[in-house]
N, C-alpha and C. Protein backbone atom coordinates (compact mmCIF):
# COMPACT_ATOMS: atom_id res chain seq x y z
N MET A 1 9.93 46.39 -4.61
CA MET A 1 10.42 47.72 -4.99
C MET A 1 9.45 48.33 -5.99
N VAL A 2 9.11 49.60 -5.77
CA VAL A 2 8.14 50.29 -6.62
C VAL A 2 8.83 51.48 -7.29
N VAL A 3 8.63 51.60 -8.61
CA VAL A 3 9.18 52.70 -9.39
C VAL A 3 8.01 53.49 -9.98
N LEU A 4 8.01 54.80 -9.74
CA LEU A 4 6.91 55.64 -10.21
C LEU A 4 7.44 56.78 -11.06
N ALA A 5 7.02 56.80 -12.34
CA ALA A 5 7.32 57.90 -13.26
C ALA A 5 8.82 58.11 -13.42
N GLY A 6 9.22 59.33 -13.81
CA GLY A 6 10.62 59.61 -14.14
C GLY A 6 10.71 60.16 -15.55
N GLU A 7 11.88 60.03 -16.15
CA GLU A 7 12.12 60.59 -17.48
C GLU A 7 12.82 59.56 -18.35
N VAL A 8 12.35 59.42 -19.58
CA VAL A 8 12.97 58.54 -20.57
C VAL A 8 13.09 59.31 -21.89
N ASP A 9 14.32 59.46 -22.37
CA ASP A 9 14.56 60.14 -23.65
C ASP A 9 13.86 61.50 -23.69
N SER A 10 14.04 62.28 -22.63
CA SER A 10 13.48 63.64 -22.50
C SER A 10 11.96 63.67 -22.46
N THR A 11 11.34 62.52 -22.18
CA THR A 11 9.88 62.45 -22.04
C THR A 11 9.53 62.13 -20.60
N ASP A 12 8.69 62.95 -19.97
CA ASP A 12 8.25 62.70 -18.60
C ASP A 12 7.25 61.55 -18.60
N MET A 13 7.41 60.64 -17.64
CA MET A 13 6.61 59.42 -17.58
C MET A 13 5.61 59.48 -16.43
N GLN A 14 4.57 58.63 -16.51
CA GLN A 14 3.60 58.49 -15.42
C GLN A 14 3.28 57.01 -15.15
N ASP A 15 4.20 56.13 -15.55
CA ASP A 15 3.97 54.70 -15.36
C ASP A 15 4.38 54.26 -13.96
N VAL A 16 3.86 53.10 -13.55
CA VAL A 16 4.13 52.55 -12.23
C VAL A 16 4.55 51.09 -12.40
N TRP A 17 5.71 50.75 -11.81
CA TRP A 17 6.23 49.39 -11.91
C TRP A 17 6.56 48.87 -10.52
N ALA A 18 6.41 47.55 -10.35
CA ALA A 18 6.78 46.90 -9.09
C ALA A 18 7.68 45.72 -9.41
N LEU A 19 8.75 45.58 -8.65
CA LEU A 19 9.68 44.48 -8.82
C LEU A 19 9.58 43.52 -7.65
N ASP A 20 9.23 42.26 -7.95
CA ASP A 20 9.31 41.19 -6.96
C ASP A 20 10.78 40.78 -6.89
N ILE A 21 11.47 41.23 -5.86
CA ILE A 21 12.92 41.04 -5.78
C ILE A 21 13.29 39.57 -5.67
N GLU A 22 12.51 38.80 -4.91
CA GLU A 22 12.83 37.37 -4.76
C GLU A 22 12.65 36.61 -6.07
N ALA A 23 11.58 36.92 -6.82
CA ALA A 23 11.31 36.21 -8.07
C ALA A 23 12.04 36.84 -9.25
N GLY A 24 12.53 38.07 -9.08
CA GLY A 24 13.18 38.76 -10.19
C GLY A 24 12.21 39.07 -11.31
N LYS A 25 10.96 39.46 -10.96
CA LYS A 25 9.92 39.68 -11.96
C LYS A 25 9.32 41.07 -11.80
N TRP A 26 9.17 41.76 -12.95
CA TRP A 26 8.57 43.08 -12.98
C TRP A 26 7.08 42.99 -13.27
N PHE A 27 6.30 43.90 -12.66
CA PHE A 27 4.87 44.03 -12.93
C PHE A 27 4.57 45.48 -13.31
N ASN A 28 3.87 45.67 -14.43
CA ASN A 28 3.43 47.01 -14.84
C ASN A 28 2.06 47.25 -14.22
N LEU A 29 2.01 48.09 -13.18
CA LEU A 29 0.76 48.33 -12.46
C LEU A 29 -0.08 49.37 -13.20
N GLN A 30 -1.38 49.18 -13.15
CA GLN A 30 -2.30 50.00 -13.91
C GLN A 30 -3.08 50.95 -13.00
N LEU A 31 -3.21 52.19 -13.46
CA LEU A 31 -3.97 53.19 -12.72
C LEU A 31 -5.34 53.37 -13.36
N PRO A 32 -6.43 53.15 -12.61
CA PRO A 32 -7.76 53.35 -13.20
C PRO A 32 -8.07 54.82 -13.45
N ASN A 33 -7.33 55.71 -12.79
CA ASN A 33 -7.56 57.16 -12.92
C ASN A 33 -6.22 57.86 -13.16
N PRO A 34 -5.58 57.65 -14.32
CA PRO A 34 -4.24 58.21 -14.55
C PRO A 34 -4.20 59.73 -14.53
N ASP A 35 -5.34 60.40 -14.71
CA ASP A 35 -5.34 61.87 -14.67
C ASP A 35 -4.97 62.38 -13.29
N ASN A 36 -5.06 61.54 -12.26
CA ASN A 36 -4.69 61.95 -10.91
C ASN A 36 -3.18 62.05 -10.71
N PHE A 37 -2.41 61.45 -11.61
CA PHE A 37 -0.95 61.40 -11.45
C PHE A 37 -0.29 61.96 -12.70
N LYS A 38 0.23 63.16 -12.57
CA LYS A 38 0.79 63.87 -13.71
C LYS A 38 2.17 63.31 -14.06
N PRO A 39 2.49 63.17 -15.37
CA PRO A 39 3.86 62.77 -15.73
C PRO A 39 4.87 63.73 -15.10
N LYS A 40 5.96 63.17 -14.53
CA LYS A 40 6.89 64.03 -13.79
C LYS A 40 8.22 63.33 -13.59
N ARG A 41 9.17 64.10 -13.09
CA ARG A 41 10.49 63.61 -12.72
C ARG A 41 10.95 64.41 -11.50
N PHE A 42 12.04 63.95 -10.87
CA PHE A 42 12.63 64.63 -9.71
C PHE A 42 11.64 64.81 -8.56
N HIS A 43 10.68 63.87 -8.42
CA HIS A 43 9.77 63.84 -7.27
C HIS A 43 10.32 62.85 -6.25
N THR A 44 9.63 62.69 -5.13
CA THR A 44 10.02 61.69 -4.14
C THR A 44 8.88 60.70 -3.96
N ALA A 45 9.23 59.49 -3.50
CA ALA A 45 8.25 58.45 -3.22
C ALA A 45 8.64 57.76 -1.92
N CYS A 46 7.69 57.64 -1.00
CA CYS A 46 7.95 57.04 0.31
C CYS A 46 6.88 56.00 0.62
N SER A 47 7.30 54.90 1.21
CA SER A 47 6.38 53.85 1.63
C SER A 47 5.90 54.11 3.04
N ILE A 48 4.58 54.07 3.24
CA ILE A 48 4.00 54.22 4.57
C ILE A 48 2.93 53.15 4.78
N SER A 49 2.66 52.83 6.02
CA SER A 49 1.55 51.93 6.38
C SER A 49 1.55 50.64 5.59
N GLY A 50 2.70 50.13 5.29
CA GLY A 50 2.78 48.82 4.64
C GLY A 50 2.56 48.82 3.16
N ASN A 51 1.35 49.12 2.70
CA ASN A 51 1.02 48.98 1.28
C ASN A 51 0.71 50.29 0.58
N ARG A 52 1.05 51.42 1.22
CA ARG A 52 0.80 52.71 0.58
C ARG A 52 2.12 53.40 0.23
N VAL A 53 2.10 54.13 -0.87
CA VAL A 53 3.26 54.91 -1.31
C VAL A 53 2.79 56.35 -1.53
N VAL A 54 3.53 57.29 -0.96
CA VAL A 54 3.21 58.71 -1.09
C VAL A 54 4.26 59.38 -1.96
N THR A 55 3.82 60.06 -3.01
CA THR A 55 4.74 60.85 -3.84
C THR A 55 4.46 62.33 -3.61
N PHE A 56 5.52 63.12 -3.72
CA PHE A 56 5.36 64.57 -3.56
C PHE A 56 6.22 65.30 -4.57
N GLY A 57 5.66 66.41 -5.09
CA GLY A 57 6.43 67.36 -5.89
C GLY A 57 6.91 66.81 -7.22
N GLY A 58 8.07 67.32 -7.64
CA GLY A 58 8.63 66.96 -8.93
C GLY A 58 8.40 68.06 -9.95
N CYS A 59 8.80 67.80 -11.17
CA CYS A 59 8.63 68.78 -12.24
C CYS A 59 8.35 68.06 -13.55
N HIS A 60 7.89 68.82 -14.53
CA HIS A 60 7.68 68.30 -15.88
C HIS A 60 8.06 69.38 -16.88
N SER A 61 8.16 68.98 -18.13
CA SER A 61 8.50 69.92 -19.21
C SER A 61 9.79 70.66 -18.86
N GLU A 62 9.81 71.98 -19.02
CA GLU A 62 11.02 72.76 -18.74
C GLU A 62 11.02 73.18 -17.26
N TYR A 63 11.15 72.20 -16.37
CA TYR A 63 11.22 72.42 -14.93
C TYR A 63 9.99 73.16 -14.38
N VAL A 64 8.82 72.81 -14.90
CA VAL A 64 7.57 73.31 -14.32
C VAL A 64 7.34 72.52 -13.02
N HIS A 65 7.45 73.19 -11.87
CA HIS A 65 7.48 72.49 -10.59
C HIS A 65 6.08 72.32 -10.00
N LEU A 66 5.94 71.26 -9.20
CA LEU A 66 4.64 70.85 -8.66
C LEU A 66 4.71 70.69 -7.15
N ASN A 67 3.55 70.74 -6.49
CA ASN A 67 3.49 70.34 -5.08
C ASN A 67 2.35 69.34 -4.87
N HIS A 68 2.09 68.53 -5.88
CA HIS A 68 1.06 67.50 -5.79
C HIS A 68 1.46 66.42 -4.78
N VAL A 69 0.47 65.92 -4.05
CA VAL A 69 0.64 64.76 -3.18
C VAL A 69 -0.26 63.64 -3.71
N ASN A 70 0.34 62.54 -4.09
CA ASN A 70 -0.40 61.36 -4.54
C ASN A 70 -0.22 60.23 -3.54
N VAL A 71 -1.30 59.53 -3.24
CA VAL A 71 -1.24 58.37 -2.36
C VAL A 71 -1.66 57.14 -3.16
N PHE A 72 -0.74 56.21 -3.32
CA PHE A 72 -1.00 54.97 -4.05
C PHE A 72 -1.27 53.85 -3.04
N ASP A 73 -2.34 53.09 -3.28
CA ASP A 73 -2.67 51.95 -2.44
C ASP A 73 -2.43 50.67 -3.24
N LEU A 74 -1.45 49.87 -2.79
CA LEU A 74 -1.06 48.66 -3.50
C LEU A 74 -1.60 47.40 -2.83
N SER A 75 -2.57 47.55 -1.93
CA SER A 75 -3.06 46.41 -1.15
C SER A 75 -3.56 45.27 -2.03
N ALA A 76 -4.36 45.61 -3.05
CA ALA A 76 -4.92 44.56 -3.91
C ALA A 76 -3.82 43.82 -4.66
N PHE A 77 -2.81 44.55 -5.09
CA PHE A 77 -1.70 43.93 -5.82
C PHE A 77 -0.88 43.02 -4.92
N THR A 78 -0.53 43.50 -3.73
CA THR A 78 0.34 42.71 -2.85
C THR A 78 -0.38 41.49 -2.27
N SER A 79 -1.69 41.58 -2.10
CA SER A 79 -2.43 40.45 -1.52
C SER A 79 -2.81 39.39 -2.54
N SER A 80 -2.59 39.68 -3.82
CA SER A 80 -2.97 38.73 -4.87
C SER A 80 -1.77 38.10 -5.55
N ASP A 81 -0.57 38.27 -4.97
CA ASP A 81 0.66 37.73 -5.55
C ASP A 81 0.87 38.21 -7.00
N GLY A 82 0.43 39.43 -7.25
CA GLY A 82 0.66 40.02 -8.57
C GLY A 82 -0.45 39.78 -9.57
N ALA A 83 -1.45 38.99 -9.22
CA ALA A 83 -2.53 38.71 -10.17
C ALA A 83 -3.39 39.95 -10.41
N GLN A 84 -3.58 40.76 -9.36
CA GLN A 84 -4.36 41.99 -9.49
C GLN A 84 -3.39 43.15 -9.72
N LYS A 85 -3.36 43.68 -10.94
CA LYS A 85 -2.37 44.71 -11.28
C LYS A 85 -2.95 46.12 -11.25
N GLU A 86 -4.25 46.24 -11.00
CA GLU A 86 -4.84 47.57 -10.92
C GLU A 86 -4.72 48.09 -9.49
N ILE A 87 -4.20 49.29 -9.34
CA ILE A 87 -4.03 49.91 -8.03
C ILE A 87 -4.77 51.24 -8.01
N THR A 88 -4.95 51.79 -6.83
CA THR A 88 -5.64 53.08 -6.73
C THR A 88 -4.61 54.20 -6.55
N CYS A 89 -4.97 55.37 -7.02
CA CYS A 89 -4.12 56.56 -6.90
C CYS A 89 -4.99 57.74 -6.55
N GLN A 90 -4.74 58.32 -5.39
CA GLN A 90 -5.52 59.47 -4.92
C GLN A 90 -4.66 60.72 -5.00
N LEU A 91 -5.21 61.78 -5.58
CA LEU A 91 -4.57 63.09 -5.56
C LEU A 91 -5.19 63.89 -4.42
N LEU A 92 -4.38 64.19 -3.40
CA LEU A 92 -4.91 64.88 -2.23
C LEU A 92 -5.24 66.33 -2.55
N LYS A 93 -6.36 66.79 -1.98
CA LYS A 93 -6.77 68.18 -2.10
C LYS A 93 -6.64 68.84 -0.73
N PHE A 94 -6.16 70.06 -0.71
CA PHE A 94 -5.98 70.79 0.54
C PHE A 94 -6.81 72.07 0.52
N ASP A 95 -7.47 72.34 1.63
CA ASP A 95 -8.31 73.53 1.72
C ASP A 95 -7.46 74.79 1.69
N GLN A 96 -8.05 75.85 1.16
CA GLN A 96 -7.36 77.14 1.15
C GLN A 96 -7.09 77.57 2.59
N GLY A 97 -5.89 78.02 2.83
CA GLY A 97 -5.50 78.42 4.18
C GLY A 97 -4.72 77.36 4.93
N GLN A 98 -4.78 76.11 4.43
CA GLN A 98 -3.97 75.06 5.07
C GLN A 98 -2.50 75.26 4.74
N VAL A 99 -1.64 74.80 5.66
CA VAL A 99 -0.19 74.82 5.41
C VAL A 99 0.13 73.77 4.35
N VAL A 100 0.78 74.20 3.28
CA VAL A 100 1.18 73.31 2.19
C VAL A 100 2.56 73.74 1.71
N PRO A 101 3.49 72.82 1.51
CA PRO A 101 4.80 73.20 0.98
C PRO A 101 4.67 73.83 -0.40
N SER A 102 5.56 74.72 -0.72
CA SER A 102 5.59 75.29 -2.07
C SER A 102 5.97 74.20 -3.07
N SER A 103 5.64 74.41 -4.33
CA SER A 103 6.02 73.47 -5.37
C SER A 103 7.54 73.40 -5.45
N ARG A 104 8.05 72.20 -5.85
CA ARG A 104 9.50 72.01 -5.86
C ARG A 104 9.87 70.70 -6.55
N TRP A 105 11.13 70.61 -6.88
CA TRP A 105 11.71 69.36 -7.41
C TRP A 105 13.10 69.20 -6.80
N GLY A 106 13.65 68.00 -6.89
CA GLY A 106 15.00 67.77 -6.38
C GLY A 106 15.11 67.82 -4.88
N HIS A 107 13.98 67.76 -4.16
CA HIS A 107 13.99 67.73 -2.70
C HIS A 107 14.32 66.30 -2.24
N SER A 108 14.35 66.09 -0.94
CA SER A 108 14.51 64.74 -0.41
C SER A 108 13.33 64.45 0.52
N ALA A 109 13.10 63.16 0.77
CA ALA A 109 11.99 62.76 1.64
C ALA A 109 12.44 61.56 2.46
N ALA A 110 11.95 61.50 3.69
CA ALA A 110 12.25 60.37 4.58
C ALA A 110 11.05 60.15 5.49
N VAL A 111 10.91 58.92 6.00
CA VAL A 111 9.76 58.55 6.82
C VAL A 111 10.20 58.29 8.26
N TYR A 112 9.45 58.87 9.20
CA TYR A 112 9.69 58.64 10.62
C TYR A 112 8.34 58.50 11.31
N GLU A 113 8.15 57.41 12.04
CA GLU A 113 6.89 57.11 12.72
C GLU A 113 5.71 57.22 11.76
N ASP A 114 5.92 56.73 10.54
CA ASP A 114 4.92 56.65 9.47
C ASP A 114 4.51 58.02 8.92
N ASN A 115 5.26 59.06 9.24
CA ASN A 115 5.01 60.39 8.67
C ASN A 115 6.11 60.72 7.67
N VAL A 116 5.76 61.51 6.66
CA VAL A 116 6.70 61.85 5.58
C VAL A 116 7.28 63.23 5.81
N TYR A 117 8.61 63.32 5.79
CA TYR A 117 9.31 64.60 5.97
C TYR A 117 9.97 65.00 4.65
N ILE A 118 9.71 66.25 4.24
CA ILE A 118 10.22 66.80 2.98
C ILE A 118 11.27 67.86 3.31
N VAL A 119 12.44 67.76 2.67
CA VAL A 119 13.54 68.67 2.96
C VAL A 119 13.99 69.37 1.68
N GLY A 120 13.98 70.71 1.71
CA GLY A 120 14.60 71.50 0.65
C GLY A 120 14.06 71.25 -0.74
N GLY A 121 14.94 71.37 -1.74
CA GLY A 121 14.56 71.25 -3.14
C GLY A 121 14.68 72.58 -3.86
N ARG A 122 14.05 72.67 -5.02
CA ARG A 122 14.14 73.90 -5.82
C ARG A 122 12.83 74.15 -6.54
N ASN A 123 12.41 75.43 -6.58
CA ASN A 123 11.38 75.86 -7.52
C ASN A 123 12.01 76.92 -8.42
N ASP A 124 11.79 78.19 -8.15
CA ASP A 124 12.55 79.22 -8.87
C ASP A 124 13.89 79.49 -8.20
N VAL A 125 14.01 79.08 -6.93
CA VAL A 125 15.25 79.23 -6.17
C VAL A 125 15.45 77.94 -5.38
N ASP A 126 16.66 77.74 -4.88
CA ASP A 126 16.92 76.61 -3.99
C ASP A 126 16.33 76.90 -2.62
N LEU A 127 15.88 75.85 -1.94
CA LEU A 127 15.13 75.99 -0.70
C LEU A 127 15.84 75.33 0.48
N CYS A 128 15.57 75.84 1.67
CA CYS A 128 16.01 75.21 2.91
C CYS A 128 14.85 75.27 3.90
N ASP A 129 13.97 74.29 3.85
CA ASP A 129 12.84 74.23 4.76
C ASP A 129 12.50 72.77 5.03
N LEU A 130 11.62 72.55 6.00
CA LEU A 130 11.27 71.19 6.41
C LEU A 130 9.77 71.13 6.69
N PHE A 131 9.09 70.19 6.03
CA PHE A 131 7.65 69.99 6.22
C PHE A 131 7.39 68.53 6.57
N CYS A 132 6.32 68.31 7.32
CA CYS A 132 5.90 66.96 7.69
C CYS A 132 4.47 66.72 7.22
N LEU A 133 4.25 65.60 6.54
CA LEU A 133 2.92 65.16 6.16
C LEU A 133 2.52 64.02 7.09
N GLU A 134 1.52 64.26 7.94
CA GLU A 134 1.08 63.25 8.89
C GLU A 134 0.21 62.21 8.19
N SER A 135 0.56 60.95 8.34
CA SER A 135 -0.12 59.90 7.59
C SER A 135 -1.56 59.67 8.05
N GLU A 136 -1.86 59.93 9.33
CA GLU A 136 -3.22 59.70 9.82
C GLU A 136 -4.20 60.76 9.32
N THR A 137 -3.77 62.02 9.33
CA THR A 137 -4.66 63.12 8.95
C THR A 137 -4.45 63.57 7.51
N MET A 138 -3.31 63.20 6.93
CA MET A 138 -2.90 63.68 5.61
C MET A 138 -2.92 65.21 5.56
N LYS A 139 -2.38 65.81 6.62
CA LYS A 139 -2.22 67.26 6.67
C LYS A 139 -0.75 67.60 6.87
N TRP A 140 -0.36 68.75 6.32
CA TRP A 140 1.02 69.22 6.41
C TRP A 140 1.18 70.12 7.63
N HIS A 141 2.40 70.14 8.18
CA HIS A 141 2.80 71.23 9.05
C HIS A 141 4.29 71.49 8.81
N GLU A 142 4.66 72.76 8.96
CA GLU A 142 6.06 73.15 8.77
C GLU A 142 6.79 73.08 10.09
N ILE A 143 8.01 72.60 10.05
CA ILE A 143 8.86 72.53 11.23
C ILE A 143 9.89 73.65 11.15
N LYS A 144 9.83 74.55 12.11
CA LYS A 144 10.75 75.68 12.14
C LYS A 144 12.09 75.23 12.72
N LEU A 145 13.17 75.64 12.10
CA LEU A 145 14.51 75.25 12.52
C LEU A 145 15.26 76.45 13.07
N LYS A 146 16.11 76.17 14.06
CA LYS A 146 16.95 77.23 14.61
C LYS A 146 18.16 77.45 13.71
N GLN A 147 18.73 78.62 13.80
CA GLN A 147 19.98 78.93 13.12
C GLN A 147 21.13 78.20 13.81
N PRO A 148 22.20 77.90 13.10
CA PRO A 148 22.41 78.18 11.68
C PRO A 148 21.77 77.11 10.80
N LEU A 149 21.19 77.53 9.69
CA LEU A 149 20.54 76.61 8.77
C LEU A 149 21.53 76.10 7.73
N PRO A 150 21.28 74.90 7.21
CA PRO A 150 22.07 74.46 6.06
C PRO A 150 21.84 75.40 4.87
N LYS A 151 22.76 75.43 3.95
CA LYS A 151 22.55 76.22 2.74
C LYS A 151 21.41 75.61 1.92
N PRO A 152 20.57 76.44 1.30
CA PRO A 152 19.52 75.91 0.42
C PRO A 152 20.13 75.03 -0.66
N ARG A 153 19.39 73.98 -1.06
CA ARG A 153 19.97 73.02 -2.00
C ARG A 153 18.91 72.12 -2.63
N ARG A 154 19.34 71.41 -3.65
CA ARG A 154 18.53 70.39 -4.30
C ARG A 154 19.40 69.16 -4.55
N ARG A 155 18.78 68.05 -4.89
CA ARG A 155 19.46 66.79 -5.24
C ARG A 155 20.34 66.26 -4.11
N HIS A 156 19.93 66.49 -2.90
CA HIS A 156 20.60 65.93 -1.72
C HIS A 156 19.88 64.66 -1.32
N SER A 157 20.36 64.01 -0.28
CA SER A 157 19.70 62.81 0.24
C SER A 157 19.42 62.98 1.73
N SER A 158 18.35 62.35 2.19
CA SER A 158 17.98 62.39 3.61
C SER A 158 17.51 61.01 4.04
N ILE A 159 17.80 60.69 5.29
CA ILE A 159 17.38 59.41 5.86
C ILE A 159 17.29 59.55 7.37
N PHE A 160 16.40 58.78 7.99
CA PHE A 160 16.35 58.75 9.44
C PHE A 160 17.25 57.66 9.97
N VAL A 161 18.06 58.01 10.98
CA VAL A 161 18.85 57.06 11.74
C VAL A 161 18.39 57.21 13.18
N ASN A 162 17.73 56.16 13.70
CA ASN A 162 17.03 56.27 14.97
C ASN A 162 16.03 57.43 14.87
N SER A 163 16.10 58.40 15.75
CA SER A 163 15.16 59.52 15.69
C SER A 163 15.78 60.77 15.08
N SER A 164 16.91 60.62 14.41
CA SER A 164 17.61 61.77 13.85
C SER A 164 17.52 61.77 12.32
N LEU A 165 17.15 62.93 11.77
CA LEU A 165 17.10 63.11 10.32
C LEU A 165 18.47 63.55 9.84
N VAL A 166 19.06 62.76 8.96
CA VAL A 166 20.41 63.02 8.47
C VAL A 166 20.33 63.43 7.01
N MET A 167 20.89 64.58 6.68
CA MET A 167 20.91 65.08 5.30
C MET A 167 22.35 65.20 4.82
N PHE A 168 22.60 64.72 3.61
CA PHE A 168 23.96 64.77 3.06
C PHE A 168 23.95 65.33 1.64
N GLY A 169 24.97 66.15 1.36
CA GLY A 169 25.26 66.56 -0.01
C GLY A 169 24.24 67.51 -0.61
N GLY A 170 24.16 67.47 -1.95
CA GLY A 170 23.26 68.34 -2.68
C GLY A 170 24.01 69.26 -3.63
N PHE A 171 23.27 70.21 -4.19
CA PHE A 171 23.79 71.04 -5.28
C PHE A 171 23.04 72.36 -5.29
N ASP A 172 23.75 73.47 -5.51
CA ASP A 172 23.11 74.77 -5.71
C ASP A 172 23.82 75.55 -6.82
N GLY A 173 24.43 74.83 -7.73
CA GLY A 173 25.38 75.38 -8.70
C GLY A 173 26.77 74.89 -8.38
N ASP A 174 27.01 74.62 -7.11
CA ASP A 174 28.19 73.93 -6.61
C ASP A 174 27.75 72.69 -5.86
N PHE A 175 28.63 71.69 -5.79
CA PHE A 175 28.31 70.46 -5.10
C PHE A 175 28.69 70.56 -3.62
N PHE A 176 27.84 69.98 -2.75
CA PHE A 176 28.10 69.94 -1.32
C PHE A 176 28.54 68.54 -0.90
N ASN A 177 29.35 68.47 0.15
CA ASN A 177 29.61 67.18 0.79
C ASN A 177 29.50 67.32 2.31
N ASP A 178 28.58 68.23 2.72
CA ASP A 178 28.38 68.44 4.15
C ASP A 178 27.28 67.53 4.68
N LEU A 179 27.27 67.39 6.00
CA LEU A 179 26.34 66.49 6.67
C LEU A 179 25.62 67.27 7.76
N HIS A 180 24.28 67.20 7.77
CA HIS A 180 23.49 67.90 8.79
C HIS A 180 22.59 66.90 9.49
N ILE A 181 22.40 67.10 10.80
CA ILE A 181 21.62 66.17 11.61
C ILE A 181 20.57 66.96 12.38
N LEU A 182 19.32 66.52 12.27
CA LEU A 182 18.22 67.14 13.00
C LEU A 182 17.66 66.13 13.99
N HIS A 183 17.71 66.46 15.27
CA HIS A 183 17.23 65.56 16.31
C HIS A 183 15.73 65.79 16.52
N MET A 184 14.91 64.84 16.10
CA MET A 184 13.47 65.03 16.08
C MET A 184 12.82 64.91 17.46
N LYS A 185 13.48 64.28 18.42
CA LYS A 185 12.86 64.09 19.73
C LYS A 185 13.08 65.25 20.69
N LYS A 186 13.91 66.20 20.31
CA LYS A 186 14.07 67.37 21.15
C LYS A 186 12.82 68.23 21.05
N GLN A 187 12.45 68.88 22.16
CA GLN A 187 11.25 69.70 22.15
C GLN A 187 11.39 70.84 21.15
N GLN A 188 12.55 71.45 21.11
CA GLN A 188 12.79 72.51 20.15
C GLN A 188 13.74 71.97 19.09
N LYS A 189 13.24 71.82 17.87
CA LYS A 189 14.03 71.23 16.81
C LYS A 189 15.24 72.11 16.51
N SER A 190 16.37 71.50 16.34
CA SER A 190 17.57 72.27 16.03
C SER A 190 18.43 71.49 15.07
N SER A 191 19.07 72.20 14.18
CA SER A 191 19.95 71.57 13.20
C SER A 191 21.39 71.77 13.65
N ILE A 192 22.17 70.70 13.64
CA ILE A 192 23.58 70.86 13.93
C ILE A 192 24.36 70.44 12.70
N MET A 193 25.54 70.98 12.57
CA MET A 193 26.35 70.70 11.39
C MET A 193 27.58 69.90 11.78
N VAL A 194 27.82 68.83 11.04
CA VAL A 194 29.02 68.03 11.20
C VAL A 194 30.00 68.46 10.12
N ALA A 195 31.27 68.48 10.43
CA ALA A 195 32.28 68.93 9.47
C ALA A 195 32.14 68.20 8.15
N PRO A 196 32.44 68.88 7.02
CA PRO A 196 32.32 68.23 5.71
C PRO A 196 33.08 66.91 5.63
N SER A 197 34.21 66.82 6.29
CA SER A 197 34.93 65.54 6.33
C SER A 197 34.28 64.64 7.36
N CYS A 198 33.08 64.14 7.02
CA CYS A 198 32.26 63.46 8.02
C CYS A 198 32.90 62.16 8.50
N LEU A 199 33.78 61.58 7.70
CA LEU A 199 34.43 60.36 8.14
C LEU A 199 35.36 60.62 9.32
N LYS A 200 35.79 61.87 9.48
CA LYS A 200 36.66 62.22 10.59
C LYS A 200 35.87 62.67 11.81
N ALA A 201 34.56 62.83 11.65
CA ALA A 201 33.72 63.28 12.76
C ALA A 201 33.18 62.07 13.52
N ASP A 202 32.88 62.29 14.79
CA ASP A 202 32.30 61.23 15.59
C ASP A 202 30.81 61.19 15.30
N PHE A 203 30.46 60.60 14.18
CA PHE A 203 29.10 60.61 13.68
C PHE A 203 28.13 59.92 14.64
N ALA A 204 28.50 58.78 15.14
CA ALA A 204 27.59 57.98 15.97
C ALA A 204 27.16 58.74 17.22
N SER A 205 28.09 59.49 17.83
CA SER A 205 27.75 60.17 19.07
C SER A 205 26.79 61.34 18.83
N SER A 206 26.61 61.76 17.56
CA SER A 206 25.71 62.86 17.25
C SER A 206 24.27 62.39 17.12
N LEU A 207 24.04 61.08 17.04
CA LEU A 207 22.71 60.54 16.85
C LEU A 207 22.08 60.15 18.18
N LEU A 208 20.78 60.34 18.24
CA LEU A 208 20.05 59.96 19.45
C LEU A 208 19.35 58.63 19.22
N ASN A 209 19.19 57.87 20.30
CA ASN A 209 18.45 56.61 20.20
C ASN A 209 16.95 56.89 20.13
């Protein structure tokens, strides 16, 4: 388990920790280039390609929002049984004119076929959009959704179940307990809404294999 940054006593952090769950031992991982990773909170972190972790967005100070993408490579650490604690951290640069998500915090992220999907969040307003970061090219593209869209929100959760992206809850000044499902294998992406009382809905039949 890897923990990256966050907030302690109103101070934004930029530290990186790894927990060996079987041994119950923590390792403080070292960044040779810490300037590449800004202290932050309310960002997301996703594991891809075995030993890489991708972080996106977050905020610092008084909700100054970011759209930074950092790629951490933990290969040296994992192959040395913890003896090598220095890891690499790359801050991705994107050419002008490329599709890039707006800065945000409180979004959610999930991985499907080794690509990272970013959902919603907040910058100056709450958002309802979906972007994909392809792990092979490290380029973004936006996925357009059909109406009706979920309400814009932050602090929700998202996860893939089979090929379906499932989003639950969130906050926009009020708390949500709704459930939305996006079927990624359909040629035209569409969002469907399951009743807020999701335990009463036939959830399984809404998911695709």
